[in-house]
N, C-alpha and C. Protein backbone atom coordinates (compact mmCIF):
# COMPACT_ATOMS: atom_id res chain seq x y z
N UNK A 1 -55.93 -56.89 -215.81
CA UNK A 1 -56.92 -55.64 -216.22
C UNK A 1 -57.44 -54.77 -216.01
N UNK A 2 -58.43 -54.09 -216.40
CA UNK A 2 -58.14 -52.86 -215.76
C UNK A 2 -59.66 -52.63 -215.92
N UNK A 3 -59.87 -51.78 -214.29
CA UNK A 3 -61.72 -51.20 -214.18
C UNK A 3 -61.68 -49.78 -213.54
N UNK A 4 -62.14 -49.14 -213.96
CA UNK A 4 -62.54 -47.54 -212.95
C UNK A 4 -63.93 -47.82 -212.95
N UNK A 5 -64.26 -46.74 -211.68
CA UNK A 5 -65.54 -46.68 -211.36
C UNK A 5 -65.44 -45.13 -210.29
N UNK A 6 -67.14 -44.57 -210.70
CA UNK A 6 -66.45 -42.90 -210.16
C UNK A 6 -67.80 -42.98 -209.22
N UNK A 7 -67.73 -42.29 -208.41
CA UNK A 7 -68.97 -41.66 -208.02
C UNK A 7 -68.77 -40.75 -206.63
N UNK A 8 -69.89 -40.65 -206.27
CA UNK A 8 -69.76 -38.65 -205.06
C UNK A 8 -70.30 -39.45 -204.01
N UNK A 9 -69.35 -38.70 -203.48
CA UNK A 9 -69.56 -39.13 -201.57
C UNK A 9 -68.87 -37.89 -200.84
N UNK A 10 -69.56 -37.15 -200.07
CA UNK A 10 -69.15 -36.31 -199.42
C UNK A 10 -68.07 -36.37 -198.75
N UNK A 11 -67.13 -35.02 -198.26
CA UNK A 11 -66.39 -35.07 -197.90
C UNK A 11 -66.33 -35.63 -196.61
N UNK A 12 -65.16 -35.88 -196.44
CA UNK A 12 -65.16 -37.16 -194.75
C UNK A 12 -65.68 -37.90 -194.61
N UNK A 13 -66.62 -38.71 -195.85
CA UNK A 13 -67.08 -40.49 -195.73
C UNK A 13 -66.28 -40.66 -195.93
N UNK A 14 -66.33 -42.14 -194.59
CA UNK A 14 -65.63 -43.14 -194.60
C UNK A 14 -66.58 -44.33 -195.50
N UNK A 15 -65.50 -44.68 -196.82
CA UNK A 15 -66.12 -45.63 -197.15
C UNK A 15 -64.95 -47.22 -197.26
N UNK A 16 -65.94 -48.12 -197.07
CA UNK A 16 -65.19 -49.04 -196.41
C UNK A 16 -66.61 -50.21 -198.18
N UNK A 17 -65.03 -51.25 -199.00
CA UNK A 17 -65.66 -52.44 -199.81
C UNK A 17 -64.57 -52.87 -200.22
N UNK A 18 -65.06 -53.78 -200.97
CA UNK A 18 -63.80 -55.24 -201.15
C UNK A 18 -64.38 -55.47 -202.65
N UNK A 19 -63.28 -55.93 -203.19
CA UNK A 19 -63.54 -56.58 -204.77
C UNK A 19 -64.15 -57.99 -204.54
N UNK A 20 -64.74 -58.23 -205.51
CA UNK A 20 -65.18 -59.42 -206.16
C UNK A 20 -65.13 -59.62 -207.73
N UNK A 21 -65.33 -60.61 -208.37
CA UNK A 21 -65.81 -60.96 -209.39
C UNK A 21 -67.65 -61.38 -209.43
N UNK A 22 -67.66 -61.39 -208.09
CA UNK A 22 -69.68 -61.37 -208.53
C UNK A 22 -70.05 -62.12 -207.18
N UNK A 23 -69.22 -62.17 -206.46
CA UNK A 23 -69.53 -63.23 -204.88
C UNK A 23 -68.81 -63.10 -203.87
N UNK A 24 -69.14 -63.58 -202.87
CA UNK A 24 -67.91 -63.70 -202.51
C UNK A 24 -66.92 -64.50 -202.49
N UNK A 25 -67.68 -66.02 -202.82
CA UNK A 25 -66.18 -67.13 -202.64
C UNK A 25 -65.23 -66.28 -203.61
N UNK A 26 -65.61 -65.36 -204.62
CA UNK A 26 -64.96 -65.49 -205.46
C UNK A 26 -63.51 -63.38 -205.44
N UNK A 27 -63.74 -63.71 -204.06
CA UNK A 27 -63.61 -62.40 -203.65
C UNK A 27 -61.85 -62.46 -204.01
N UNK A 28 -61.23 -60.53 -203.23
CA UNK A 28 -60.03 -60.41 -203.43
C UNK A 28 -59.18 -61.34 -202.27
N UNK A 29 -58.11 -61.56 -202.14
CA UNK A 29 -57.11 -62.20 -201.23
C UNK A 29 -55.30 -61.43 -201.51
N UNK A 30 -55.12 -61.99 -200.59
CA UNK A 30 -53.25 -61.41 -200.75
C UNK A 30 -52.73 -62.24 -201.72
N UNK A 31 -51.62 -61.56 -202.05
CA UNK A 31 -50.67 -62.65 -202.57
C UNK A 31 -50.72 -64.33 -202.78
N UNK A 32 -50.85 -64.28 -201.45
CA UNK A 32 -50.55 -65.78 -200.86
C UNK A 32 -51.80 -66.57 -200.49
N UNK A 33 -53.04 -65.78 -200.89
CA UNK A 33 -53.93 -67.15 -201.08
C UNK A 33 -55.07 -66.26 -199.29
N UNK A 34 -54.69 -65.72 -198.73
CA UNK A 34 -55.31 -65.43 -197.35
C UNK A 34 -56.60 -64.49 -197.69
N UNK A 35 -57.57 -64.46 -196.59
CA UNK A 35 -58.23 -63.33 -197.12
C UNK A 35 -58.27 -62.05 -196.00
N UNK A 36 -59.02 -61.05 -197.09
CA UNK A 36 -58.28 -59.87 -196.60
C UNK A 36 -59.68 -59.02 -196.29
N UNK A 37 -59.35 -57.82 -194.61
CA UNK A 37 -60.21 -57.06 -194.18
C UNK A 37 -61.10 -56.62 -195.41
N UNK A 38 -61.74 -56.26 -195.48
CA UNK A 38 -62.59 -54.89 -196.05
C UNK A 38 -61.45 -53.46 -196.46
N UNK A 39 -61.21 -52.85 -197.17
CA UNK A 39 -60.95 -51.92 -197.97
C UNK A 39 -61.37 -50.88 -196.96
N UNK A 40 -60.73 -49.68 -196.99
CA UNK A 40 -61.54 -48.73 -196.32
C UNK A 40 -60.21 -47.51 -196.57
N UNK A 41 -61.62 -46.30 -197.15
CA UNK A 41 -60.93 -44.72 -196.95
C UNK A 41 -61.50 -44.12 -196.38
N UNK A 42 -61.53 -42.91 -196.30
CA UNK A 42 -62.14 -41.40 -195.64
C UNK A 42 -61.69 -39.93 -197.10
N UNK A 43 -63.18 -40.05 -197.21
CA UNK A 43 -63.04 -38.64 -198.92
C UNK A 43 -62.33 -37.55 -198.28
N UNK A 44 -61.23 -37.52 -198.85
CA UNK A 44 -60.72 -36.24 -198.50
C UNK A 44 -61.07 -35.50 -200.70
N UNK A 45 -61.96 -34.36 -200.22
CA UNK A 45 -62.08 -34.18 -201.65
C UNK A 45 -62.18 -32.59 -201.25
N UNK A 46 -61.56 -31.70 -200.74
CA UNK A 46 -61.67 -30.08 -200.18
C UNK A 46 -61.38 -29.33 -201.30
N UNK A 47 -59.93 -29.67 -202.22
CA UNK A 47 -59.58 -28.89 -202.47
C UNK A 47 -59.21 -29.78 -204.21
N UNK A 48 -59.76 -30.88 -203.99
CA UNK A 48 -59.80 -31.56 -205.58
C UNK A 48 -59.94 -32.99 -205.65
N UNK A 49 -61.14 -33.87 -206.37
CA UNK A 49 -61.47 -35.07 -206.93
C UNK A 49 -60.30 -35.77 -206.36
N UNK A 50 -60.42 -37.25 -205.40
CA UNK A 50 -60.00 -38.29 -205.46
C UNK A 50 -59.62 -39.03 -206.13
N UNK A 51 -58.09 -39.57 -205.90
CA UNK A 51 -58.36 -40.92 -207.03
C UNK A 51 -57.36 -41.84 -206.05
N UNK A 52 -58.57 -43.39 -206.51
CA UNK A 52 -58.00 -43.72 -205.49
C UNK A 52 -57.24 -45.19 -206.32
N UNK A 53 -56.33 -45.81 -206.24
CA UNK A 53 -55.82 -46.75 -207.73
C UNK A 53 -54.79 -48.00 -206.10
N UNK A 54 -56.13 -49.04 -206.61
CA UNK A 54 -56.17 -50.32 -205.99
C UNK A 54 -55.40 -51.10 -206.98
N UNK A 55 -54.94 -52.13 -206.41
CA UNK A 55 -54.26 -53.12 -206.71
C UNK A 55 -54.43 -54.84 -205.88
N UNK A 56 -55.17 -55.67 -206.77
CA UNK A 56 -56.09 -56.72 -206.25
C UNK A 56 -54.76 -58.01 -206.68
N UNK A 57 -54.16 -58.59 -205.68
CA UNK A 57 -53.56 -59.76 -205.01
C UNK A 57 -53.77 -61.01 -206.11
N UNK A 58 -54.86 -61.31 -205.53
CA UNK A 58 -54.91 -62.31 -205.41
C UNK A 58 -56.36 -62.67 -204.85
N UNK A 59 -57.10 -64.14 -206.01
CA UNK A 59 -58.80 -64.22 -205.95
C UNK A 59 -59.23 -65.95 -204.83
N UNK A 60 -60.24 -65.54 -204.67
CA UNK A 60 -60.19 -66.91 -203.85
C UNK A 60 -60.45 -68.04 -204.73
N UNK A 61 -60.63 -67.83 -205.62
CA UNK A 61 -60.97 -69.04 -206.14
C UNK A 61 -60.74 -69.34 -207.53
N UNK A 62 -59.33 -68.44 -207.45
CA UNK A 62 -58.15 -69.10 -207.79
C UNK A 62 -56.55 -69.80 -207.90
N UNK A 63 -56.58 -69.77 -206.04
CA UNK A 63 -55.84 -70.05 -205.13
C UNK A 63 -55.73 -71.96 -205.35
N UNK A 64 -54.82 -72.38 -205.14
CA UNK A 64 -54.26 -73.85 -205.20
C UNK A 64 -54.17 -74.13 -203.41
């Protein structure tokens, strides 16, 4: 499934984030069910809006 989120942040702001389905116990993982570090981006919107496309490979609560 797909989802989208829009927000405003200042140019060159550093943002860290992680996808979950409601709690840390249902957070994203690698395809091999390993925990991953928080994602991080630096907002660079000097010339145009910035688009970030992420893919979640696995979820902690569905790993076997």
